[in-house]
Amino acid sequence: MKDFMEHEIIKQNVGIDIAKDNFKVCFSITTSNLSVKVLGSRTFSNHYKGFQEFVDWTNRKRKSSDTVYFTMEATGGYYENLRNPQF
């Protein structure tokens, strides 16, 4: 898929920084000329409703059906429910 000044998108990534009460995310794309563009960032609650909102937000931000990679900065065990949300 072409975007961001007509270069092919080669990677879609969501960076996640998770803590006890919430988690902050940043969605970015990398293009074939190795430019990175942030498509958005947001904070979600670290519970079931926040996980659902996160999935919906990610699906709206993604630029194609290609793989979206998730990179997490985990603090303690607070990432466990996001990693395996059971929904």
C-alpha atoms as a PDB file:
ATOM      1  CA  MET A   1       0.000   0.000   0.000  1.00  0.00           C
ATOM      2  CA  LYS A   2       1.209   3.518  -0.789  1.00  0.00           C
ATOM      3  CA  ASP A   3       0.852   6.396   1.594  1.00  0.00           C
ATOM      4  CA  PHE A   4       2.891   9.146   3.279  1.00  0.00           C
ATOM      5  CA  MET A   5       4.246  10.923   0.223  1.00  0.00           C
ATOM      6  CA  GLU A   6       3.652   7.929  -2.091  1.00  0.00           C
ATOM      7  CA  HIS A   7       6.128   5.531  -0.491  1.00  0.00           C
ATOM      8  CA  GLU A   8       5.153   1.964   0.308  1.00  0.00           C
ATOM      9  CA  ILE A   9       4.340   1.200   3.933  1.00  0.00           C
ATOM     10  CA  ILE A  10       6.746  -1.484   5.103  1.00  0.00           C
ATOM     11  CA  LYS A  11       5.850  -1.618   8.810  1.00  0.00           C
ATOM     12  CA  GLN A  12       3.014  -0.676  11.129  1.00  0.00           C
ATOM     13  CA  ASN A  13       3.895  -0.574  14.822  1.00  0.00           C
ATOM     14  CA  VAL A  14       2.148   0.205  18.091  1.00  0.00           C
ATOM     15  CA  GLY A  15       4.392   1.070  21.036  1.00  0.00           C
ATOM     16  CA  ILE A  16       2.800   0.419  24.422  1.00  0.00           C
ATOM     17  CA  ASP A  17       3.859   1.676  27.854  1.00  0.00           C
ATOM     18  CA  ILE A  18       1.727  -0.052  30.476  1.00  0.00           C
ATOM     19  CA  ALA A  19       1.250   0.707  34.156  1.00  0.00           C
ATOM     20  CA  LYS A  20      -1.183  -0.267  36.911  1.00  0.00           C
ATOM     21  CA  ASP A  21      -4.097   2.017  36.001  1.00  0.00           C
ATOM     22  CA  ASN A  22      -3.600   2.777  32.310  1.00  0.00           C
ATOM     23  CA  PHE A  23      -1.451   2.278  29.253  1.00  0.00           C
ATOM     24  CA  LYS A  24      -0.189   4.776  26.711  1.00  0.00           C
ATOM     25  CA  VAL A  25       0.149   3.844  23.048  1.00  0.00           C
ATOM     26  CA  CYS A  26       1.646   5.341  19.902  1.00  0.00           C
ATOM     27  CA  PHE A  27       0.800   4.060  16.399  1.00  0.00           C
ATOM     28  CA  SER A  28       3.393   4.679  13.688  1.00  0.00           C
ATOM     29  CA  ILE A  29       4.203   3.560  10.169  1.00  0.00           C
ATOM     30  CA  THR A  30       7.560   3.172   8.456  1.00  0.00           C
ATOM     31  CA  THR A  31       7.747   3.694   4.698  1.00  0.00           C
ATOM     32  CA  SER A  32      10.063   2.289   2.046  1.00  0.00           C
ATOM     33  CA  ASN A  33      12.283   5.388   2.268  1.00  0.00           C
ATOM     34  CA  LEU A  34      12.605   4.623   6.029  1.00  0.00           C
ATOM     35  CA  SER A  35      10.577   7.645   7.106  1.00  0.00           C
ATOM     36  CA  VAL A  36       8.500   7.196  10.253  1.00  0.00           C
ATOM     37  CA  LYS A  37       5.151   8.907  10.684  1.00  0.00           C
ATOM     38  CA  VAL A  38       3.173   8.849  13.928  1.00  0.00           C
ATOM     39  CA  LEU A  39      -0.509   8.355  13.155  1.00  0.00           C
ATOM     40  CA  GLY A  40      -1.700   8.889  16.704  1.00  0.00           C
ATOM     41  CA  SER A  41      -1.208   8.370  20.403  1.00  0.00           C
ATOM     42  CA  ARG A  42      -3.644   7.813  23.222  1.00  0.00           C
ATOM     43  CA  THR A  43      -4.078   6.620  26.806  1.00  0.00           C
ATOM     44  CA  PHE A  44      -6.419   3.733  27.681  1.00  0.00           C
ATOM     45  CA  SER A  45      -7.589   2.293  30.997  1.00  0.00           C
ATOM     46  CA  ASN A  46      -5.844  -0.907  32.056  1.00  0.00           C
ATOM     47  CA  HIS A  47      -9.025  -2.984  32.240  1.00  0.00           C
ATOM     48  CA  TYR A  48     -11.404  -4.795  29.908  1.00  0.00           C
ATOM     49  CA  LYS A  49     -13.163  -1.691  28.521  1.00  0.00           C
ATOM     50  CA  GLY A  50      -9.810  -0.026  27.812  1.00  0.00           C
ATOM     51  CA  PHE A  51      -8.621  -3.160  25.980  1.00  0.00           C
ATOM     52  CA  GLN A  52     -11.707  -3.127  23.764  1.00  0.00           C
ATOM     53  CA  GLU A  53     -11.243   0.585  23.003  1.00  0.00           C
ATOM     54  CA  PHE A  54      -7.567  -0.079  22.200  1.00  0.00           C
ATOM     55  CA  VAL A  55      -8.432  -2.807  19.664  1.00  0.00           C
ATOM     56  CA  ASP A  56     -11.024  -0.572  17.972  1.00  0.00           C
ATOM     57  CA  TRP A  57      -8.602   2.398  17.878  1.00  0.00           C
ATOM     58  CA  THR A  58      -5.818   0.245  16.417  1.00  0.00           C
ATOM     59  CA  ASN A  59      -8.098  -1.116  13.698  1.00  0.00           C
ATOM     60  CA  ARG A  60      -9.112   2.427  12.715  1.00  0.00           C
ATOM     61  CA  LYS A  61      -5.462   3.582  12.539  1.00  0.00           C
ATOM     62  CA  ARG A  62      -4.041   0.682  10.521  1.00  0.00           C
ATOM     63  CA  LYS A  63      -3.401   1.475   6.875  1.00  0.00           C
ATOM     64  CA  SER A  64      -3.822  -1.993   5.390  1.00  0.00           C
ATOM     65  CA  SER A  65      -4.473  -5.580   6.322  1.00  0.00           C
ATOM     66  CA  ASP A  66      -0.711  -6.087   6.708  1.00  0.00           C
ATOM     67  CA  THR A  67       0.663  -7.134  10.079  1.00  0.00           C
ATOM     68  CA  VAL A  68       0.659  -4.606  12.904  1.00  0.00           C
ATOM     69  CA  TYR A  69       3.532  -5.142  15.343  1.00  0.00           C
ATOM     70  CA  PHE A  70       3.108  -4.412  19.044  1.00  0.00           C
ATOM     71  CA  THR A  71       6.084  -3.400  21.193  1.00  0.00           C
ATOM     72  CA  MET A  72       5.491  -3.220  24.937  1.00  0.00           C
ATOM     73  CA  GLU A  73       7.295  -1.527  27.812  1.00  0.00           C
ATOM     74  CA  ALA A  74       5.939  -3.606  30.677  1.00  0.00           C
ATOM     75  CA  THR A  75       6.065  -2.465  34.293  1.00  0.00           C
ATOM     76  CA  GLY A  76       5.791  -5.317  36.777  1.00  0.00           C
ATOM     77  CA  GLY A  77       3.017  -7.729  35.827  1.00  0.00           C
ATOM     78  CA  TYR A  78       0.587  -5.047  34.670  1.00  0.00           C
ATOM     79  CA  TYR A  79       0.854  -6.211  31.056  1.00  0.00           C
ATOM     80  CA  GLU A  80      -0.598  -9.677  31.745  1.00  0.00           C
ATOM     81  CA  ASN A  81      -4.255  -8.764  31.120  1.00  0.00           C
ATOM     82  CA  LEU A  82      -3.466  -6.850  27.921  1.00  0.00           C
ATOM     83  CA  ARG A  83      -1.338  -9.715  26.633  1.00  0.00           C
ATOM     84  CA  ASN A  84      -4.186 -12.166  27.219  1.00  0.00           C
ATOM     85  CA  PRO A  85      -7.425 -10.129  27.555  1.00  0.00           C
ATOM     86  CA  GLN A  86      -9.882 -13.020  27.049  1.00  0.00           C
ATOM     87  CA  PHE A  87     -12.251 -11.129  24.732  1.00  0.00           C
END
